[in-house]
Amino acid sequence: MRKRDGSLQAWSGFLAGEVAAGTFRALMTVRRKLLGIAACVAAVLTLVSAVDAKGFRRYLRLRQDVEAIQERNRVLSEQNATLLREINALRNDPAALERAAREELGYVKPGELVFHLE
Protein backbone atom coordinates (compact mmCIF):
# COMPACT_ATOMS: atom_id res chain seq x y z
CA MET A 1 0.00 0.00 0.00
CA ARG A 2 1.21 3.49 -0.83
CA LYS A 3 1.14 5.90 2.06
CA ARG A 4 0.84 9.10 0.05
CA ASP A 5 -2.34 8.01 -1.80
CA GLY A 6 -5.19 8.15 0.68
CA SER A 7 -7.78 6.95 -1.81
CA LEU A 8 -5.91 3.70 -2.35
CA GLN A 9 -5.81 3.14 1.40
CA ALA A 10 -9.50 3.98 1.66
CA TRP A 11 -10.42 1.50 -1.05
CA SER A 12 -8.28 -1.24 0.42
CA GLY A 13 -9.82 -0.59 3.81
CA PHE A 14 -13.28 -0.58 2.26
CA LEU A 15 -12.61 -3.92 0.63
CA ALA A 16 -11.37 -5.33 3.94
CA GLY A 17 -14.47 -4.01 5.73
CA GLU A 18 -12.53 -1.53 7.88
CA VAL A 19 -13.90 1.77 6.58
CA ALA A 20 -15.41 4.28 8.94
CA ALA A 21 -18.85 5.68 8.16
CA GLY A 22 -17.47 9.07 7.09
CA THR A 23 -15.01 7.58 4.64
CA PHE A 24 -17.72 5.37 3.17
CA ARG A 25 -19.97 8.38 2.65
CA ALA A 26 -17.11 10.24 0.97
CA LEU A 27 -16.48 7.32 -1.38
CA MET A 28 -20.16 7.08 -2.23
CA THR A 29 -20.30 10.83 -2.90
CA VAL A 30 -17.35 10.52 -5.30
CA ARG A 31 -19.02 7.56 -6.95
CA ARG A 32 -22.27 9.49 -7.31
CA LYS A 33 -20.39 12.44 -8.87
CA LEU A 34 -18.60 10.15 -11.34
CA LEU A 35 -21.90 8.51 -12.25
CA GLY A 36 -23.45 11.96 -12.85
CA ILE A 37 -20.52 12.99 -15.05
CA ALA A 38 -20.79 9.76 -17.06
CA ALA A 39 -24.53 10.31 -17.54
CA CYS A 40 -23.91 13.89 -18.73
CA VAL A 41 -21.25 12.74 -21.19
CA ALA A 42 -23.62 10.07 -22.53
CA ALA A 43 -26.41 12.63 -22.92
CA VAL A 44 -24.12 15.06 -24.76
CA LEU A 45 -22.90 12.31 -27.11
CA THR A 46 -26.50 11.28 -27.80
CA LEU A 47 -27.47 14.87 -28.64
CA VAL A 48 -24.44 15.31 -30.89
CA SER A 49 -25.30 12.09 -32.71
CA ALA A 50 -28.93 13.15 -33.19
CA VAL A 51 -28.06 16.65 -34.41
CA ASP A 52 -25.02 15.81 -36.53
CA ALA A 53 -25.82 15.17 -40.20
CA LYS A 54 -23.44 12.20 -40.21
CA GLY A 55 -24.93 10.71 -37.07
CA PHE A 56 -28.25 9.13 -36.25
CA ARG A 57 -30.21 11.10 -38.88
CA ARG A 58 -27.92 9.70 -41.59
CA TYR A 59 -28.43 6.21 -40.23
CA LEU A 60 -32.22 6.63 -40.41
CA ARG A 61 -32.05 8.02 -43.96
CA LEU A 62 -29.81 5.17 -45.10
CA ARG A 63 -32.11 2.62 -43.48
CA GLN A 64 -35.08 4.10 -45.36
CA ASP A 65 -33.07 3.98 -48.59
CA VAL A 66 -32.27 0.31 -48.01
CA GLU A 67 -35.95 -0.48 -47.39
CA ALA A 68 -36.96 1.36 -50.58
CA ILE A 69 -34.33 -0.49 -52.60
CA GLN A 70 -35.45 -3.83 -51.17
CA GLU A 71 -39.07 -3.05 -52.12
CA ARG A 72 -37.99 -2.06 -55.64
CA ASN A 73 -36.00 -5.30 -55.86
CA ARG A 74 -39.08 -7.30 -54.86
CA VAL A 75 -41.23 -5.57 -57.51
CA LEU A 76 -38.59 -6.15 -60.20
CA SER A 77 -38.29 -9.82 -59.23
CA GLU A 78 -42.05 -10.23 -59.65
CA GLN A 79 -41.89 -8.52 -63.06
CA ASN A 80 -39.02 -10.79 -64.09
CA ALA A 81 -41.01 -13.87 -63.09
CA THR A 82 -44.03 -12.65 -65.08
CA LEU A 83 -41.90 -11.95 -68.15
CA LEU A 84 -40.22 -15.37 -67.90
CA ARG A 85 -43.64 -17.05 -67.81
CA GLU A 86 -44.68 -15.04 -70.87
CA ILE A 87 -41.47 -15.96 -72.73
CA ASN A 88 -41.99 -19.65 -71.97
CA ALA A 89 -45.62 -19.43 -73.12
CA LEU A 90 -44.61 -17.72 -76.39
CA ARG A 91 -41.95 -20.35 -77.07
CA ASN A 92 -44.08 -23.39 -76.25
CA ASP A 93 -47.76 -22.47 -76.72
CA PRO A 94 -49.01 -21.63 -80.25
CA ALA A 95 -52.21 -20.10 -78.83
CA ALA A 96 -50.18 -17.67 -76.72
CA LEU A 97 -48.09 -16.75 -79.77
CA GLU A 98 -51.24 -16.11 -81.84
CA ARG A 99 -52.75 -13.99 -79.04
CA ALA A 100 -49.58 -11.88 -78.80
CA ALA A 101 -49.46 -11.37 -82.57
CA ARG A 102 -53.11 -10.27 -82.64
CA GLU A 103 -52.91 -7.95 -79.59
CA GLU A 104 -49.51 -6.40 -80.00
CA LEU A 105 -48.99 -6.42 -83.76
CA GLY A 106 -52.61 -6.16 -84.93
CA TYR A 107 -52.47 -9.27 -87.11
CA VAL A 108 -55.73 -10.79 -88.41
CA LYS A 109 -56.46 -14.03 -90.19
CA PRO A 110 -57.57 -13.85 -93.80
CA GLY A 111 -61.31 -13.27 -94.00
CA GLU A 112 -61.69 -11.85 -90.49
CA LEU A 113 -63.34 -8.51 -89.94
CA VAL A 114 -61.86 -6.08 -87.40
CA PHE A 115 -64.09 -3.60 -85.61
CA HIS A 116 -62.32 -0.78 -83.72
CA LEU A 117 -64.55 0.46 -80.93
CA GLU A 118 -63.61 3.59 -79.07
C-alpha atoms as a PDB file:
ATOM      1  CA  MET A   1       0.000   0.000   0.000  1.00  0.00           C
ATOM      2  CA  ARG A   2       1.208   3.488  -0.830  1.00  0.00           C
ATOM      3  CA  LYS A   3       1.140   5.899   2.056  1.00  0.00           C
ATOM      4  CA  ARG A   4       0.837   9.103   0.051  1.00  0.00           C
ATOM      5  CA  ASP A   5      -2.343   8.008  -1.796  1.00  0.00           C
ATOM      6  CA  GLY A   6      -5.189   8.152   0.683  1.00  0.00           C
ATOM      7  CA  SER A   7      -7.779   6.950  -1.807  1.00  0.00           C
ATOM      8  CA  LEU A   8      -5.913   3.696  -2.353  1.00  0.00           C
ATOM      9  CA  GLN A   9      -5.808   3.141   1.395  1.00  0.00           C
ATOM     10  CA  ALA A  10      -9.501   3.982   1.655  1.00  0.00           C
ATOM     11  CA  TRP A  11     -10.420   1.503  -1.054  1.00  0.00           C
ATOM     12  CA  SER A  12      -8.279  -1.242   0.417  1.00  0.00           C
ATOM     13  CA  GLY A  13      -9.820  -0.592   3.808  1.00  0.00           C
ATOM     14  CA  PHE A  14     -13.281  -0.579   2.255  1.00  0.00           C
ATOM     15  CA  LEU A  15     -12.607  -3.925   0.631  1.00  0.00           C
ATOM     16  CA  ALA A  16     -11.373  -5.326   3.940  1.00  0.00           C
ATOM     17  CA  GLY A  17     -14.469  -4.010   5.727  1.00  0.00           C
ATOM     18  CA  GLU A  18     -12.531  -1.535   7.877  1.00  0.00           C
ATOM     19  CA  VAL A  19     -13.896   1.774   6.577  1.00  0.00           C
ATOM     20  CA  ALA A  20     -15.405   4.284   8.939  1.00  0.00           C
ATOM     21  CA  ALA A  21     -18.848   5.684   8.156  1.00  0.00           C
ATOM     22  CA  GLY A  22     -17.473   9.072   7.094  1.00  0.00           C
ATOM     23  CA  THR A  23     -15.008   7.578   4.639  1.00  0.00           C
ATOM     24  CA  PHE A  24     -17.723   5.366   3.170  1.00  0.00           C
ATOM     25  CA  ARG A  25     -19.968   8.385   2.646  1.00  0.00           C
ATOM     26  CA  ALA A  26     -17.105  10.244   0.973  1.00  0.00           C
ATOM     27  CA  LEU A  27     -16.484   7.316  -1.375  1.00  0.00           C
ATOM     28  CA  MET A  28     -20.163   7.081  -2.234  1.00  0.00           C
ATOM     29  CA  THR A  29     -20.296  10.832  -2.898  1.00  0.00           C
ATOM     30  CA  VAL A  30     -17.346  10.516  -5.301  1.00  0.00           C
ATOM     31  CA  ARG A  31     -19.022   7.557  -6.946  1.00  0.00           C
ATOM     32  CA  ARG A  32     -22.273   9.494  -7.306  1.00  0.00           C
ATOM     33  CA  LYS A  33     -20.394  12.437  -8.871  1.00  0.00           C
ATOM     34  CA  LEU A  34     -18.602  10.150 -11.337  1.00  0.00           C
ATOM     35  CA  LEU A  35     -21.903   8.512 -12.252  1.00  0.00           C
ATOM     36  CA  GLY A  36     -23.454  11.956 -12.850  1.00  0.00           C
ATOM     37  CA  ILE A  37     -20.524  12.992 -15.054  1.00  0.00           C
ATOM     38  CA  ALA A  38     -20.793   9.759 -17.058  1.00  0.00           C
ATOM     39  CA  ALA A  39     -24.533  10.309 -17.535  1.00  0.00           C
ATOM     40  CA  CYS A  40     -23.914  13.886 -18.729  1.00  0.00           C
ATOM     41  CA  VAL A  41     -21.255  12.736 -21.190  1.00  0.00           C
ATOM     42  CA  ALA A  42     -23.622  10.067 -22.532  1.00  0.00           C
ATOM     43  CA  ALA A  43     -26.413  12.631 -22.923  1.00  0.00           C
ATOM     44  CA  VAL A  44     -24.116  15.055 -24.763  1.00  0.00           C
ATOM     45  CA  LEU A  45     -22.904  12.309 -27.110  1.00  0.00           C
ATOM     46  CA  THR A  46     -26.502  11.284 -27.799  1.00  0.00           C
ATOM     47  CA  LEU A  47     -27.468  14.870 -28.639  1.00  0.00           C
ATOM     48  CA  VAL A  48     -24.441  15.313 -30.886  1.00  0.00           C
ATOM     49  CA  SER A  49     -25.304  12.086 -32.713  1.00  0.00           C
ATOM     50  CA  ALA A  50     -28.933  13.153 -33.185  1.00  0.00           C
ATOM     51  CA  VAL A  51     -28.060  16.652 -34.408  1.00  0.00           C
ATOM     52  CA  ASP A  52     -25.020  15.807 -36.526  1.00  0.00           C
ATOM     53  CA  ALA A  53     -25.820  15.165 -40.196  1.00  0.00           C
ATOM     54  CA  LYS A  54     -23.445  12.199 -40.213  1.00  0.00           C
ATOM     55  CA  GLY A  55     -24.931  10.714 -37.067  1.00  0.00           C
ATOM     56  CA  PHE A  56     -28.248   9.132 -36.254  1.00  0.00           C
ATOM     57  CA  ARG A  57     -30.206  11.096 -38.880  1.00  0.00           C
ATOM     58  CA  ARG A  58     -27.923   9.702 -41.595  1.00  0.00           C
ATOM     59  CA  TYR A  59     -28.426   6.208 -40.228  1.00  0.00           C
ATOM     60  CA  LEU A  60     -32.222   6.633 -40.408  1.00  0.00           C
ATOM     61  CA  ARG A  61     -32.054   8.020 -43.957  1.00  0.00           C
ATOM     62  CA  LEU A  62     -29.807   5.167 -45.100  1.00  0.00           C
ATOM     63  CA  ARG A  63     -32.108   2.618 -43.478  1.00  0.00           C
ATOM     64  CA  GLN A  64     -35.082   4.103 -45.358  1.00  0.00           C
ATOM     65  CA  ASP A  65     -33.066   3.977 -48.590  1.00  0.00           C
ATOM     66  CA  VAL A  66     -32.269   0.306 -48.007  1.00  0.00           C
ATOM     67  CA  GLU A  67     -35.947  -0.480 -47.389  1.00  0.00           C
ATOM     68  CA  ALA A  68     -36.962   1.362 -50.576  1.00  0.00           C
ATOM     69  CA  ILE A  69     -34.327  -0.487 -52.602  1.00  0.00           C
ATOM     70  CA  GLN A  70     -35.450  -3.828 -51.170  1.00  0.00           C
ATOM     71  CA  GLU A  71     -39.065  -3.046 -52.122  1.00  0.00           C
ATOM     72  CA  ARG A  72     -37.986  -2.062 -55.638  1.00  0.00           C
ATOM     73  CA  ASN A  73     -35.999  -5.300 -55.856  1.00  0.00           C
ATOM     74  CA  ARG A  74     -39.080  -7.304 -54.860  1.00  0.00           C
ATOM     75  CA  VAL A  75     -41.231  -5.573 -57.513  1.00  0.00           C
ATOM     76  CA  LEU A  76     -38.590  -6.152 -60.200  1.00  0.00           C
ATOM     77  CA  SER A  77     -38.294  -9.821 -59.225  1.00  0.00           C
ATOM     78  CA  GLU A  78     -42.054 -10.225 -59.647  1.00  0.00           C
ATOM     79  CA  GLN A  79     -41.893  -8.517 -63.058  1.00  0.00           C
ATOM     80  CA  ASN A  80     -39.024 -10.792 -64.087  1.00  0.00           C
ATOM     81  CA  ALA A  81     -41.007 -13.868 -63.086  1.00  0.00           C
ATOM     82  CA  THR A  82     -44.030 -12.650 -65.078  1.00  0.00           C
ATOM     83  CA  LEU A  83     -41.898 -11.954 -68.154  1.00  0.00           C
ATOM     84  CA  LEU A  84     -40.218 -15.368 -67.901  1.00  0.00           C
ATOM     85  CA  ARG A  85     -43.639 -17.049 -67.814  1.00  0.00           C
ATOM     86  CA  GLU A  86     -44.680 -15.043 -70.871  1.00  0.00           C
ATOM     87  CA  ILE A  87     -41.467 -15.957 -72.731  1.00  0.00           C
ATOM     88  CA  ASN A  88     -41.986 -19.646 -71.974  1.00  0.00           C
ATOM     89  CA  ALA A  89     -45.617 -19.432 -73.124  1.00  0.00           C
ATOM     90  CA  LEU A  90     -44.614 -17.718 -76.391  1.00  0.00           C
ATOM     91  CA  ARG A  91     -41.948 -20.346 -77.067  1.00  0.00           C
ATOM     92  CA  ASN A  92     -44.076 -23.386 -76.252  1.00  0.00           C
ATOM     93  CA  ASP A  93     -47.759 -22.473 -76.725  1.00  0.00           C
ATOM     94  CA  PRO A  94     -49.011 -21.631 -80.246  1.00  0.00           C
ATOM     95  CA  ALA A  95     -52.213 -20.099 -78.834  1.00  0.00           C
ATOM     96  CA  ALA A  96     -50.176 -17.669 -76.723  1.00  0.00           C
ATOM     97  CA  LEU A  97     -48.086 -16.754 -79.772  1.00  0.00           C
ATOM     98  CA  GLU A  98     -51.240 -16.109 -81.838  1.00  0.00           C
ATOM     99  CA  ARG A  99     -52.751 -13.994 -79.040  1.00  0.00           C
ATOM    100  CA  ALA A 100     -49.580 -11.878 -78.796  1.00  0.00           C
ATOM    101  CA  ALA A 101     -49.464 -11.367 -82.569  1.00  0.00           C
ATOM    102  CA  ARG A 102     -53.105 -10.271 -82.640  1.00  0.00           C
ATOM    103  CA  GLU A 103     -52.911  -7.950 -79.591  1.00  0.00           C
ATOM    104  CA  GLU A 104     -49.506  -6.399 -80.000  1.00  0.00           C
ATOM    105  CA  LEU A 105     -48.994  -6.419 -83.760  1.00  0.00           C
ATOM    106  CA  GLY A 106     -52.611  -6.157 -84.925  1.00  0.00           C
ATOM    107  CA  TYR A 107     -52.470  -9.274 -87.110  1.00  0.00           C
ATOM    108  CA  VAL A 108     -55.728 -10.787 -88.411  1.00  0.00           C
ATOM    109  CA  LYS A 109     -56.461 -14.029 -90.194  1.00  0.00           C
ATOM    110  CA  PRO A 110     -57.572 -13.847 -93.802  1.00  0.00           C
ATOM    111  CA  GLY A 111     -61.306 -13.273 -93.998  1.00  0.00           C
ATOM    112  CA  GLU A 112     -61.692 -11.846 -90.493  1.00  0.00           C
ATOM    113  CA  LEU A 113     -63.339  -8.506 -89.936  1.00  0.00           C
ATOM    114  CA  VAL A 114     -61.863  -6.079 -87.403  1.00  0.00           C
ATOM    115  CA  PHE A 115     -64.089  -3.598 -85.613  1.00  0.00           C
ATOM    116  CA  HIS A 116     -62.319  -0.785 -83.721  1.00  0.00           C
ATOM    117  CA  LEU A 117     -64.549   0.463 -80.932  1.00  0.00           C
ATOM    118  CA  GLU A 118     -63.612   3.589 -79.067  1.00  0.00           C
END
